């Protein structure tokens, strides 16, 4: 068995290696804010571990404060990962935790036993919160969550064991130095070495997963409205049409076009036009069901595919969208503006046979009729190829 000083040095070197790996990952994945906090937390821990190797000159309670604070930074990183943003209030939160736990360790500086118990209890609690933060996320790759929970559970359980030994075991109650409690401390340091490697590797994997999700989002979503882009919609819609026909259900396809949108851009500027597009997308999103596919098809044109919808439900939805949107107003430097929408739709029972592009073409014919009838209205394409007015 290695002596305590050697184990502390190995742990410090392991942490340095892990920090370097996380810093490289952070430089390559700048949009993943959490990895910066994880790198910072491990940096603080390595500083505390380094202080423990010179405990003959620097009191252990100081290194305990540093290491404990590193755990709080790791917890903050887990929270940032769940929120997918840099959570506000970091300086204040770190200042408060440093002040509180620093005061506790300063008061307990003459008692190695209670200092170790306090540190162990904090690690157990922080481990539980870190597990909870990632567990709350709806990550499709649940194996990552289980591995994360596993390594932090093992880490927390070892510190819980440490806490209980110092609480009830006479040998550790009487221990006046780390060397006197070498058995449990050596095990914790050995586990710490393994834990740091596993944790660092998992952090890199999680950062890579976030990057992949971001790339997937960019490839499938319209950057302005966050709706499906045309390519993603076409892929999903073709698949949905096949599923709907196999299940014997009809589909409705709505084509929606904002009226005189170019005039809005010319009179009020493109920023106002972007606001109108974003607001319309938000309103549409409030009307769709989980199984519906909503897309910004291009410019000011949107398309909505509704599996299982019939003529009446499609008509009712289109009319609700039109009525609600015509009452929307926007204020800007040029004054107040409003917008209307024209909608053409088609309902079929054999969507897969007719094909997506055929359905879009039929809905476009209905939309053209809506434009010709004065805009701000809904038109339905009928199988007889006679365009019938359903509202004005």
Protein backbone atom coordinates (compact mmCIF):
# COMPACT_ATOMS: atom_id res chain seq x y z
CA UNK A 1 0.00 0.00 0.00
CA UNK A 2 1.32 3.44 -0.93
CA UNK A 3 1.78 5.93 1.87
CA UNK A 4 -0.71 8.77 2.25
CA UNK A 5 1.56 11.49 0.85
CA UNK A 6 2.22 9.45 -2.29
CA UNK A 7 -1.50 8.79 -2.76
CA UNK A 8 -2.24 12.49 -2.37
CA UNK A 9 0.40 13.32 -4.97
CA UNK A 10 -0.98 10.71 -7.40
CA UNK A 11 -4.48 12.09 -6.89
CA UNK A 12 -3.21 15.60 -7.58
CA UNK A 13 -1.47 14.48 -10.78
CA UNK A 14 -4.59 12.57 -11.85
CA UNK A 15 -6.66 15.68 -11.33
CA UNK A 16 -4.20 17.77 -13.35
CA UNK A 17 -4.49 15.29 -16.23
CA UNK A 18 -8.27 15.38 -16.02
CA UNK A 19 -8.30 19.18 -15.94
CA UNK A 20 -6.10 19.38 -19.04
CA UNK A 21 -8.45 17.00 -20.86
CA UNK A 22 -11.50 19.05 -19.88
CA UNK A 23 -9.80 22.30 -20.90
CA UNK A 24 -9.11 20.87 -24.35
CA UNK A 25 -12.73 19.68 -24.57
CA UNK A 26 -13.91 23.11 -23.42
CA UNK A 27 -11.86 24.83 -26.13
CA UNK A 28 -13.36 22.52 -28.78
CA UNK A 29 -16.93 22.82 -27.44
CA UNK A 30 -17.27 26.44 -26.36
CA UNK A 31 -21.05 26.35 -26.48
CA UNK A 32 -21.12 23.72 -23.69
CA UNK A 33 -20.77 26.05 -20.71
CA UNK A 34 -20.90 23.26 -18.12
CA UNK A 35 -17.55 21.80 -19.11
CA UNK A 36 -15.81 25.03 -18.11
CA UNK A 37 -17.21 24.77 -14.60
CA UNK A 38 -16.25 21.09 -14.41
CA UNK A 39 -12.70 22.02 -15.43
CA UNK A 40 -12.67 24.84 -12.87
CA UNK A 41 -14.03 22.57 -10.15
CA UNK A 42 -11.35 19.96 -10.75
CA UNK A 43 -8.71 22.71 -10.83
CA UNK A 44 -9.82 23.84 -7.39
CA UNK A 45 -9.79 20.24 -6.15
CA UNK A 46 -6.24 19.69 -7.46
CA UNK A 47 -5.15 22.81 -5.59
CA UNK A 48 -6.68 21.39 -2.41
CA UNK A 49 -5.03 18.00 -2.97
CA UNK A 50 -1.69 19.74 -3.50
CA UNK A 51 -2.16 21.60 -0.21
CA UNK A 52 -2.76 18.28 1.55
CA UNK A 53 0.66 17.00 0.48
CA UNK A 54 2.24 19.85 2.46
CA UNK A 55 -0.03 19.47 5.48
CA UNK A 56 3.02 19.71 7.74
CA UNK A 57 3.19 23.40 6.83
CA UNK A 58 -0.37 24.31 5.89
CA UNK A 59 -3.28 23.31 8.17
CA UNK A 60 -5.58 20.63 6.81
CA UNK A 61 -8.67 22.74 7.37
CA UNK A 62 -7.52 25.11 4.61
CA UNK A 63 -7.19 22.30 2.07
CA UNK A 64 -10.60 21.00 3.22
CA UNK A 65 -12.16 24.36 2.36
CA UNK A 66 -10.55 24.37 -1.09
CA UNK A 67 -11.51 20.78 -1.97
CA UNK A 68 -15.06 21.20 -0.68
CA UNK A 69 -15.49 24.36 -2.74
CA UNK A 70 -14.37 22.43 -5.82
CA UNK A 71 -17.34 20.09 -5.33
CA UNK A 72 -19.74 23.02 -5.26
CA UNK A 73 -18.32 24.22 -8.60
CA UNK A 74 -18.84 20.73 -10.05
CA UNK A 75 -22.45 20.89 -8.88
CA UNK A 76 -22.84 24.27 -10.56
CA UNK A 77 -21.51 22.75 -13.76
CA UNK A 78 -24.13 19.97 -13.59
CA UNK A 79 -26.84 22.58 -13.16
CA UNK A 80 -25.57 24.54 -16.16
CA UNK A 81 -25.56 21.35 -18.22
CA UNK A 82 -29.19 20.66 -17.34
CA UNK A 83 -30.23 24.24 -18.13
CA UNK A 84 -28.01 24.31 -21.23
CA UNK A 85 -26.88 27.80 -20.26
CA UNK A 86 -24.63 29.65 -17.86
CA UNK A 87 -26.81 29.91 -14.76
CA UNK A 88 -26.74 33.39 -13.28
CA UNK A 89 -25.45 34.14 -9.81
CA UNK A 90 -22.28 32.05 -9.88
CA UNK A 91 -19.99 34.56 -8.07
CA UNK A 92 -22.56 35.17 -5.32
CA UNK A 93 -23.30 31.46 -4.84
CA UNK A 94 -19.60 30.58 -4.64
CA UNK A 95 -18.90 33.44 -2.24
CA UNK A 96 -21.70 32.31 0.10
CA UNK A 97 -20.71 28.63 0.05
CA UNK A 98 -17.05 29.53 0.63
CA UNK A 99 -17.97 31.78 3.54
CA UNK A 100 -20.30 29.25 5.18
CA UNK A 101 -18.26 26.09 4.79
CA UNK A 102 -15.03 28.03 5.41
CA UNK A 103 -16.39 29.27 8.73
CA UNK A 104 -17.38 25.73 9.70
CA UNK A 105 -13.96 24.27 8.91
CA UNK A 106 -12.24 27.13 10.71
CA UNK A 107 -14.32 26.43 13.83
CA UNK A 108 -13.49 22.71 13.55
CA UNK A 109 -9.77 23.18 12.82
CA UNK A 110 -8.72 21.56 16.08
CA UNK A 111 -10.80 18.42 15.45
CA UNK A 112 -9.61 16.24 12.58
CA UNK A 113 -12.52 13.87 13.18
CA UNK A 114 -15.30 16.46 12.87
CA UNK A 115 -13.57 18.21 9.96
CA UNK A 116 -13.45 14.92 8.05
CA UNK A 117 -17.05 14.14 8.96
CA UNK A 118 -18.18 17.58 7.78
CA UNK A 119 -16.30 17.26 4.51
CA UNK A 120 -17.64 13.73 3.96
CA UNK A 121 -21.23 14.82 4.63
CA UNK A 122 -20.92 17.69 2.14
CA UNK A 123 -19.51 15.36 -0.53
CA UNK A 124 -22.39 12.92 0.02
CA UNK A 125 -24.98 15.70 -0.30
CA UNK A 126 -23.31 17.27 -3.34
CA UNK A 127 -23.06 13.85 -5.01
CA UNK A 128 -26.79 13.38 -4.54
CA UNK A 129 -27.60 16.80 -6.00
CA UNK A 130 -25.29 16.23 -8.98
CA UNK A 131 -27.05 12.93 -9.73
CA UNK A 132 -30.42 14.67 -9.42
CA UNK A 133 -29.45 17.46 -11.82
CA UNK A 134 -28.68 15.11 -14.69
CA UNK A 135 -31.50 12.72 -13.81
CA UNK A 136 -34.01 15.52 -14.37
CA UNK A 137 -32.88 15.87 -17.98
CA UNK A 138 -34.77 13.97 -20.68
CA UNK A 139 -31.61 12.64 -22.30
CA UNK A 140 -32.46 9.99 -24.90
CA UNK A 141 -29.22 8.16 -24.14
CA UNK A 142 -30.30 7.05 -20.67
CA UNK A 143 -27.21 4.84 -20.36
CA UNK A 144 -25.17 8.03 -19.90
CA UNK A 145 -27.42 9.09 -17.03
CA UNK A 146 -27.08 5.66 -15.41
CA UNK A 147 -23.28 5.74 -15.71
CA UNK A 148 -23.23 9.29 -14.31
CA UNK A 149 -25.44 8.19 -11.41
CA UNK A 150 -23.28 5.11 -10.89
CA UNK A 151 -19.93 6.86 -10.53
CA UNK A 152 -21.34 9.60 -8.33
CA UNK A 153 -23.26 7.06 -6.21
CA UNK A 154 -20.09 5.04 -5.65
CA UNK A 155 -18.22 8.21 -4.79
CA UNK A 156 -20.93 9.33 -2.38
CA UNK A 157 -21.24 5.90 -0.75
CA UNK A 158 -17.51 5.75 -0.01
CA UNK A 159 -17.69 9.13 1.66
CA UNK A 160 -20.78 8.02 3.55
CA UNK A 161 -18.79 4.99 4.76
CA UNK A 162 -16.00 7.36 5.78
CA UNK A 163 -18.47 9.53 7.69
CA UNK A 164 -19.94 6.54 9.56
CA UNK A 165 -16.51 5.15 10.48
CA UNK A 166 -15.44 8.45 12.00
CA UNK A 167 -18.80 8.65 13.76
CA UNK A 168 -18.91 5.16 15.32
CA UNK A 169 -15.61 3.29 14.98
CA UNK A 170 -13.36 3.81 18.05
CA UNK A 171 -10.20 3.53 15.96
CA UNK A 172 -11.17 6.45 13.74
CA UNK A 173 -12.73 8.42 16.56
CA UNK A 174 -9.34 8.41 18.24
CA UNK A 175 -7.36 9.13 15.05
CA UNK A 176 -5.29 12.30 15.29
CA UNK A 177 -3.84 12.24 11.74
CA UNK A 178 -4.48 10.84 8.27
CA UNK A 179 -1.78 8.25 8.88
CA UNK A 180 -3.66 6.95 11.91
CA UNK A 181 -6.70 6.36 9.72
CA UNK A 182 -4.74 5.12 6.74
CA UNK A 183 -7.06 2.24 5.81
CA UNK A 184 -10.14 4.31 5.06
CA UNK A 185 -8.24 7.33 3.77
CA UNK A 186 -6.12 5.25 1.38
CA UNK A 187 -9.24 3.62 -0.03
CA UNK A 188 -10.86 7.01 -0.57
CA UNK A 189 -7.80 8.33 -2.36
CA UNK A 190 -7.58 5.25 -4.57
CA UNK A 191 -11.26 5.58 -5.43
CA UNK A 192 -10.70 9.27 -6.06
CA UNK A 193 -8.10 8.48 -8.73
CA UNK A 194 -10.48 6.12 -10.55
CA UNK A 195 -13.40 8.49 -10.04
CA UNK A 196 -11.57 11.44 -11.60
CA UNK A 197 -10.67 9.51 -14.74
CA UNK A 198 -14.24 8.21 -15.11
CA UNK A 199 -15.79 11.59 -14.37
CA UNK A 200 -13.54 13.44 -16.83
CA UNK A 201 -14.23 10.91 -19.58
CA UNK A 202 -17.97 11.15 -18.97
CA UNK A 203 -17.80 14.96 -19.06
CA UNK A 204 -16.18 14.80 -22.49
CA UNK A 205 -18.84 12.33 -23.67
CA UNK A 206 -21.63 14.58 -22.38
CA UNK A 207 -20.07 17.60 -24.07
CA UNK A 208 -19.84 15.65 -27.32
CA UNK A 209 -23.49 14.63 -26.96
CA UNK A 210 -24.49 18.27 -26.51
CA UNK A 211 -22.51 19.22 -29.60
CA UNK A 212 -24.20 16.48 -31.62
CA UNK A 213 -27.62 17.65 -30.41
CA UNK A 214 -26.75 21.20 -31.40
CA UNK A 215 -25.62 20.11 -34.86
CA UNK A 216 -28.78 18.04 -35.26
CA UNK A 217 -30.87 21.05 -34.21
CA UNK A 218 -29.10 23.27 -36.73
CA UNK A 219 -29.64 20.68 -39.46
CA UNK A 220 -33.37 20.22 -38.78
CA UNK A 221 -34.62 23.57 -37.45
CA UNK A 222 -35.20 26.97 -38.95
CA UNK A 223 -32.88 29.34 -37.03
CA UNK A 224 -35.39 32.19 -36.81
CA UNK A 225 -38.60 30.39 -35.82
CA UNK A 226 -37.15 27.13 -34.42
CA UNK A 227 -39.71 25.21 -36.47
CA UNK A 228 -38.76 22.29 -38.69
CA UNK A 229 -36.92 23.37 -41.80
CA UNK A 230 -38.04 22.17 -45.22
CA UNK A 231 -35.61 19.26 -45.50
CA UNK A 232 -36.42 17.85 -42.06
CA UNK A 233 -40.14 18.30 -42.65
CA UNK A 234 -40.05 16.44 -45.94
CA UNK A 235 -38.22 13.49 -44.39
CA UNK A 236 -40.59 13.25 -41.44
CA UNK A 237 -43.72 13.91 -43.49
CA UNK A 238 -42.97 11.17 -46.02
CA UNK A 239 -42.55 8.73 -43.15
CA UNK A 240 -45.74 9.94 -41.45
CA UNK A 241 -47.81 9.62 -44.63
CA UNK A 242 -46.78 5.97 -44.92
CA UNK A 243 -47.66 5.32 -41.27
CA UNK A 244 -51.04 7.06 -41.60
CA UNK A 245 -52.00 5.09 -44.68
CA UNK A 246 -50.94 1.82 -43.05
CA UNK A 247 -53.17 2.65 -40.07
CA UNK A 248 -56.06 3.63 -42.32
CA UNK A 249 -56.28 7.23 -41.16
CA UNK A 250 -56.58 10.35 -43.24
CA UNK A 251 -54.27 13.36 -43.20
CA UNK A 252 -54.70 17.07 -43.66
CA UNK A 253 -52.07 19.43 -45.01
CA UNK A 254 -52.36 23.18 -44.46
CA UNK A 255 -50.33 25.72 -46.42
CA UNK A 256 -50.25 29.13 -44.72
CA UNK A 257 -48.91 32.34 -46.25
CA UNK A 258 -48.64 35.72 -44.50
CA UNK A 259 -50.40 38.35 -46.60
CA UNK A 260 -48.42 41.23 -48.13
CA UNK A 261 -45.33 40.29 -46.13
CA UNK A 262 -42.97 42.07 -48.54
CA UNK A 263 -44.83 45.29 -47.86
CA UNK A 264 -44.20 44.83 -44.14
CA UNK A 265 -40.47 44.43 -44.76
CA UNK A 266 -40.39 47.45 -47.08
CA UNK A 267 -42.38 49.73 -44.77
CA UNK A 268 -41.11 48.64 -41.36
CA UNK A 269 -37.76 46.94 -42.00
CA UNK A 270 -36.58 43.36 -41.93
CA UNK A 271 -36.30 43.30 -38.13
CA UNK A 272 -40.04 43.98 -37.91
CA UNK A 273 -40.62 41.26 -40.48
CA UNK A 274 -38.60 38.83 -38.38
CA UNK A 275 -40.72 39.70 -35.36
CA UNK A 276 -43.87 38.95 -37.33
CA UNK A 277 -42.50 35.60 -38.52
CA UNK A 278 -41.42 34.63 -35.00
CA UNK A 279 -44.76 35.63 -33.48
CA UNK A 280 -46.70 33.71 -36.12
CA UNK A 281 -44.56 30.62 -35.55
CA UNK A 282 -45.19 30.85 -31.81
CA UNK A 283 -48.93 31.14 -32.39
CA UNK A 284 -48.93 28.15 -34.74
CA UNK A 285 -47.00 26.10 -32.18
CA UNK A 286 -49.78 26.70 -29.66
CA UNK A 287 -52.32 25.08 -31.98
CA UNK A 288 -50.48 21.94 -33.05
CA UNK A 289 -50.72 18.49 -31.47
CA UNK A 290 -47.76 16.32 -30.52
CA UNK A 291 -48.13 14.21 -33.67
CA UNK A 292 -48.43 17.19 -36.04
CA UNK A 293 -45.50 18.37 -38.16
CA UNK A 294 -45.06 22.15 -38.42
CA UNK A 295 -42.54 23.70 -40.78
CA UNK A 296 -41.36 27.04 -42.07
CA UNK A 297 -41.51 26.06 -45.71
CA UNK A 298 -39.78 29.14 -47.05
CA UNK A 299 -39.92 32.91 -46.57
CA UNK A 300 -43.34 33.77 -45.13
CA UNK A 301 -44.86 30.40 -46.03
CA UNK A 302 -45.58 27.67 -43.46
CA UNK A 303 -46.90 24.14 -43.79
CA UNK A 304 -48.68 21.95 -41.25
CA UNK A 305 -49.26 18.21 -41.65
CA UNK A 306 -52.00 16.79 -39.41
CA UNK A 307 -52.18 12.98 -39.21
CA UNK A 308 -55.65 11.63 -38.41
CA UNK A 309 -57.40 14.93 -39.21
CA UNK A 310 -60.59 15.13 -41.23
CA UNK A 311 -62.13 17.95 -43.24
CA UNK A 312 -64.02 19.48 -40.32
CA UNK A 313 -61.13 19.48 -37.85
CA UNK A 314 -58.73 20.91 -40.45
CA UNK A 315 -61.24 23.63 -41.36
CA UNK A 316 -61.84 24.51 -37.70
CA UNK A 317 -58.12 24.74 -36.96
CA UNK A 318 -57.39 26.84 -40.04
CA UNK A 319 -60.18 29.24 -39.12
CA UNK A 320 -58.94 29.53 -35.51
CA UNK A 321 -55.45 30.32 -36.72
CA UNK A 322 -56.70 32.93 -39.20
CA UNK A 323 -59.04 34.61 -36.72
CA UNK A 324 -56.53 34.79 -33.91
CA UNK A 325 -53.75 36.08 -36.16
CA UNK A 326 -55.78 38.91 -37.71
CA UNK A 327 -56.17 40.42 -34.25
CA UNK A 328 -52.42 40.47 -33.59
CA UNK A 329 -50.67 43.87 -33.63
CA UNK A 330 -47.02 44.91 -33.37
CA UNK A 331 -45.53 48.22 -32.31
CA UNK A 332 -42.27 49.61 -33.64
CA UNK A 333 -40.62 52.95 -34.50
CA UNK A 334 -42.70 53.30 -37.66
CA UNK A 335 -45.96 52.76 -35.78
CA UNK A 336 -48.34 49.89 -35.25
CA UNK A 337 -48.57 47.14 -37.83
CA UNK A 338 -50.80 44.13 -38.22
CA UNK A 339 -50.78 41.11 -40.49
CA UNK A 340 -53.20 38.57 -41.86
CA UNK A 341 -52.79 35.07 -43.21
CA UNK A 342 -54.28 33.14 -46.11
CA UNK A 343 -54.64 29.37 -45.76
CA UNK A 344 -55.19 26.61 -48.27
CA UNK A 345 -55.61 23.03 -47.19
CA UNK A 346 -56.36 19.57 -48.46
CA UNK A 347 -57.66 16.41 -46.72
CA UNK A 348 -57.08 12.93 -48.16
CA UNK A 349 -57.28 9.33 -47.02
CA UNK A 350 -54.50 8.09 -49.31
CA UNK A 351 -51.70 10.50 -48.53
CA UNK A 352 -48.89 8.03 -49.17
CA UNK A 353 -50.26 7.11 -52.59
CA UNK A 354 -50.74 10.71 -53.67
CA UNK A 355 -47.37 11.73 -52.26
CA UNK A 356 -46.26 14.68 -50.17
CA UNK A 357 -45.47 16.96 -53.09
CA UNK A 358 -48.85 16.30 -54.68
CA UNK A 359 -50.55 17.27 -51.40
CA UNK A 360 -48.48 20.44 -51.19
CA UNK A 361 -49.41 21.27 -54.78
CA UNK A 362 -53.12 20.78 -54.06
CA UNK A 363 -52.94 22.91 -50.91
CA UNK A 364 -51.05 25.53 -52.92
CA UNK A 365 -53.90 25.63 -55.44
CA UNK A 366 -56.32 26.26 -52.58
CA UNK A 367 -53.98 28.91 -51.18
CA UNK A 368 -53.85 30.62 -54.57
CA UNK A 369 -57.64 30.78 -54.59
CA UNK A 370 -57.57 32.31 -51.10
CA UNK A 371 -55.22 35.01 -52.37
CA UNK A 372 -57.41 35.66 -55.38
CA UNK A 373 -60.47 36.02 -53.16
CA UNK A 374 -58.97 38.95 -51.27
CA UNK A 375 -56.59 37.25 -48.80
CA UNK A 376 -57.23 36.69 -45.05
CA UNK A 377 -59.41 33.67 -45.76
CA UNK A 378 -59.38 29.88 -45.81
CA UNK A 379 -59.91 27.70 -48.85
CA UNK A 380 -60.12 23.92 -49.19
CA UNK A 381 -59.21 21.85 -52.23
CA UNK A 382 -61.90 19.29 -53.03
CA UNK A 383 -61.41 15.96 -54.87
CA UNK A 384 -63.59 17.31 -57.66
CA UNK A 385 -60.86 19.92 -58.18
CA UNK A 386 -63.46 22.60 -57.47
CA UNK A 387 -62.19 25.13 -54.97
CA UNK A 388 -64.89 25.70 -52.38
CA UNK A 389 -64.96 28.66 -50.03
CA UNK A 390 -65.26 27.72 -46.36
CA UNK A 391 -64.85 31.18 -44.84
CA UNK A 392 -64.40 34.81 -45.62
